[in-house]
Protein backbone atom coordinates (compact mmCIF):
# COMPACT_ATOMS: atom_id res chain seq x y z
CA MET A 1 -0.03 -0.39 0.03
CA ALA A 2 1.13 3.56 -0.78
CA ARG A 3 1.14 6.31 1.77
CA LEU A 4 -0.92 9.18 0.43
CA SER A 5 0.25 12.72 1.04
CA THR A 6 -2.72 15.09 1.59
CA GLU A 7 -2.32 16.50 -2.05
CA HIS A 8 -3.24 12.57 -2.76
CA LYS A 9 -6.46 12.42 -0.62
CA VAL A 10 -7.99 15.60 -1.50
CA LEU A 11 -7.55 14.30 -5.37
CA ILE A 12 -9.18 11.22 -4.84
CA VAL A 13 -11.94 12.80 -2.82
CA SER A 14 -12.52 15.56 -5.49
CA ARG A 15 -12.52 12.75 -8.24
CA LEU A 16 -14.74 10.66 -6.00
CA ALA A 17 -17.39 13.54 -5.55
CA ALA A 18 -17.41 14.06 -9.66
CA PHE A 19 -18.52 10.47 -10.11
CA VAL A 20 -15.06 8.89 -11.25
CA ALA A 21 -14.33 5.48 -11.57
CA PRO A 22 -11.86 4.75 -8.48
CA SER A 23 -10.03 2.66 -10.67
CA GLU A 24 -9.77 5.34 -13.37
CA ILE A 25 -8.49 7.17 -9.78
CA VAL A 26 -5.96 5.02 -9.52
CA ALA A 27 -4.77 5.02 -12.81
CA GLU A 28 -4.40 8.53 -12.43
CA LEU A 29 -2.24 8.28 -9.22
CA LYS A 30 -0.04 5.42 -10.98
CA GLU A 31 0.66 8.67 -14.04
CA LEU A 32 1.73 10.51 -10.65
CA GLY A 33 3.81 8.08 -9.71
CA VAL A 34 1.70 6.72 -6.65
CA THR A 35 0.82 3.35 -6.75
CA ALA A 36 -1.98 2.38 -4.87
CA SER A 37 -5.08 0.24 -4.70
CA ILE A 38 -8.52 0.25 -5.51
CA GLU A 39 -9.41 -0.02 -1.78
CA GLN A 40 -7.32 2.78 -0.47
CA VAL A 41 -9.60 4.91 -2.84
CA PHE A 42 -12.49 3.60 -1.91
CA HIS A 43 -11.74 4.35 1.61
CA TYR A 44 -12.17 8.09 0.95
CA ASP A 45 -15.32 7.39 -0.38
CA PRO A 46 -18.35 8.14 2.16
CA THR A 47 -20.88 7.27 0.26
CA ALA A 48 -19.57 3.53 -0.05
CA LYS A 49 -21.05 1.17 2.46
CA GLY A 50 -19.25 0.85 5.64
CA SER A 51 -16.66 3.40 4.86
CA ASP A 52 -15.15 4.91 7.64
CA VAL A 53 -13.60 8.02 6.32
CA GLY A 54 -12.77 10.98 8.62
CA GLN A 55 -15.05 14.03 9.08
CA ARG A 56 -12.88 16.25 6.94
CA TRP A 57 -12.97 13.76 4.12
CA ARG A 58 -16.79 13.61 4.71
CA GLU A 59 -17.42 17.32 4.36
CA MET A 60 -15.41 17.87 1.40
CA HIS A 61 -16.64 15.11 -0.81
CA THR A 62 -20.21 16.48 0.58
CA GLN A 63 -19.18 20.33 -0.69
CA LEU A 64 -17.37 19.03 -3.73
CA ARG A 65 -20.09 16.91 -4.70
CA ALA A 66 -23.07 19.29 -4.64
CA GLU A 67 -20.53 21.86 -6.50
CA PHE A 68 -20.22 19.26 -8.95
CA LEU A 69 -24.16 18.55 -9.54
CA ARG A 70 -24.99 22.31 -9.60
CA ASP A 71 -22.14 22.64 -12.39
CA THR A 72 -24.02 20.40 -14.65
CA ALA A 73 -26.61 23.11 -15.18
CA SER A 74 -24.29 25.17 -17.07
CA ILE A 75 -22.96 22.91 -19.68
CA PRO A 76 -25.76 23.27 -22.64
CA ILE A 77 -25.99 19.56 -23.76
CA ALA A 78 -27.60 18.97 -20.52
CA HIS A 79 -30.41 20.60 -21.45
CA LYS A 80 -33.25 19.49 -23.65
CA SER A 81 -33.37 22.43 -25.82
CA TYR A 82 -30.03 22.82 -26.61
CA ARG A 83 -29.58 19.25 -27.85
CA LEU A 84 -33.36 19.48 -30.17
CA ARG A 85 -31.59 22.97 -31.75
CA GLU A 86 -28.21 20.69 -32.14
CA LEU A 87 -29.94 17.67 -33.62
CA ASN A 88 -32.10 20.11 -36.02
CA ASP A 89 -28.94 21.64 -37.61
CA MET A 90 -27.50 18.49 -37.76
CA ALA A 91 -30.96 16.80 -39.89
CA ARG A 92 -30.53 20.12 -41.94
CA GLN A 93 -27.12 19.57 -42.66
CA ALA A 94 -27.44 16.20 -43.35
CA LYS A 95 -30.65 16.72 -45.45
CA LEU A 96 -28.87 19.58 -47.63
CA ARG A 97 -26.08 16.97 -48.44
CA LYS A 98 -28.56 14.20 -49.15
CA ASN A 99 -27.29 11.99 -46.62
CA PHE A 100 -31.39 10.67 -45.85
CA PRO A 101 -30.23 7.68 -43.75
CA LEU A 102 -28.53 10.26 -41.12
CA ALA A 103 -31.31 12.86 -41.66
CA ALA A 104 -33.95 9.71 -40.52
CA GLN A 105 -31.63 9.07 -37.62
CA LEU A 106 -31.57 12.50 -36.36
CA LEU A 107 -35.20 13.08 -36.92
CA GLU A 108 -36.02 9.73 -34.93
CA GLN A 109 -33.55 10.42 -32.06
CA ALA A 110 -35.33 14.40 -32.02
CA ALA A 111 -38.64 12.19 -32.01
CA LYS A 112 -37.24 9.83 -28.59
CA GLU A 113 -36.06 13.18 -27.20
CA MET A 114 -39.34 14.54 -27.11
CA GLY A 115 -40.82 11.59 -26.19
CA GLU A 116 -38.55 11.41 -23.22
CA SER A 117 -37.00 7.70 -24.54
CA TYR A 118 -33.95 8.87 -23.24
CA THR A 119 -35.10 9.46 -19.39
CA ASN A 120 -36.54 7.17 -16.69
CA ARG A 121 -39.16 9.04 -16.48
CA ARG A 122 -42.61 6.99 -17.73
CA VAL A 123 -45.90 8.71 -17.82
CA LEU A 124 -48.85 6.21 -17.21
CA GLU A 125 -52.13 6.54 -18.58
CA PRO A 126 -54.94 3.85 -17.89
CA ALA A 127 -56.77 2.63 -20.92
CA ASP A 128 -59.84 3.38 -18.91
CA PRO A 129 -59.52 6.40 -16.21
CA VAL A 130 -62.98 5.90 -15.01
CA ALA A 131 -62.19 2.15 -14.20
CA ALA A 132 -58.94 3.19 -12.95
CA LEU A 133 -60.59 6.00 -10.77
CA ALA A 134 -63.27 3.55 -9.74
CA ALA A 135 -60.68 0.91 -8.31
CA THR A 136 -58.72 3.23 -6.60
CA LEU A 137 -61.67 4.83 -4.78
CA GLY A 138 -62.81 1.54 -4.17
CA VAL A 139 -66.35 1.84 -6.07
CA THR A 140 -67.74 0.76 -9.61
CA PRO A 141 -67.11 2.21 -12.62
CA GLU A 142 -71.31 2.78 -12.38
CA GLU A 143 -71.22 4.96 -9.17
CA ILE A 144 -68.22 7.11 -10.80
CA THR A 145 -70.63 7.34 -13.98
CA GLY A 146 -73.63 8.50 -11.91
CA ALA A 147 -71.88 10.86 -9.80
CA LEU A 148 -70.41 12.56 -12.41
CA ALA A 149 -74.12 12.89 -14.23
CA ASP A 150 -75.46 14.73 -10.98
CA VAL A 151 -72.81 16.93 -10.43
CA ALA A 152 -72.93 17.49 -14.26
CA GLY A 153 -76.97 18.25 -13.48
CA ALA A 154 -76.57 20.13 -10.66
């Protein structure tokens, strides 16, 4: 095991806060002439199960992680409107160059972007909203329909 200086520990904590893989950090340290193990790097990750890293490193990691996540908002490609604008420009260029297969792929990618295919968020809509509402409320669909008719007639 290599003896890590404070400078190396700061590098490890800051890179872990930026979601860099421990194996990549080991490679970075090796380029600096420090041979560290993955276990040594994991030791400085307060999010790892069973981590007993000191309070100083825990606070530094928390602060740097928050800054990293906040900085993500300043990256244009992280925004849907920017990605769509870029896809639009690329599709136009592909069409002008008569590269129709590429233009079609870019149009499909834009459609997926609009349909949020690239996110984990899904909107579920029931086939029969009245039946779904009735099941949620524990009543029959006819009771729902009757209640709606009463409200509409009132």
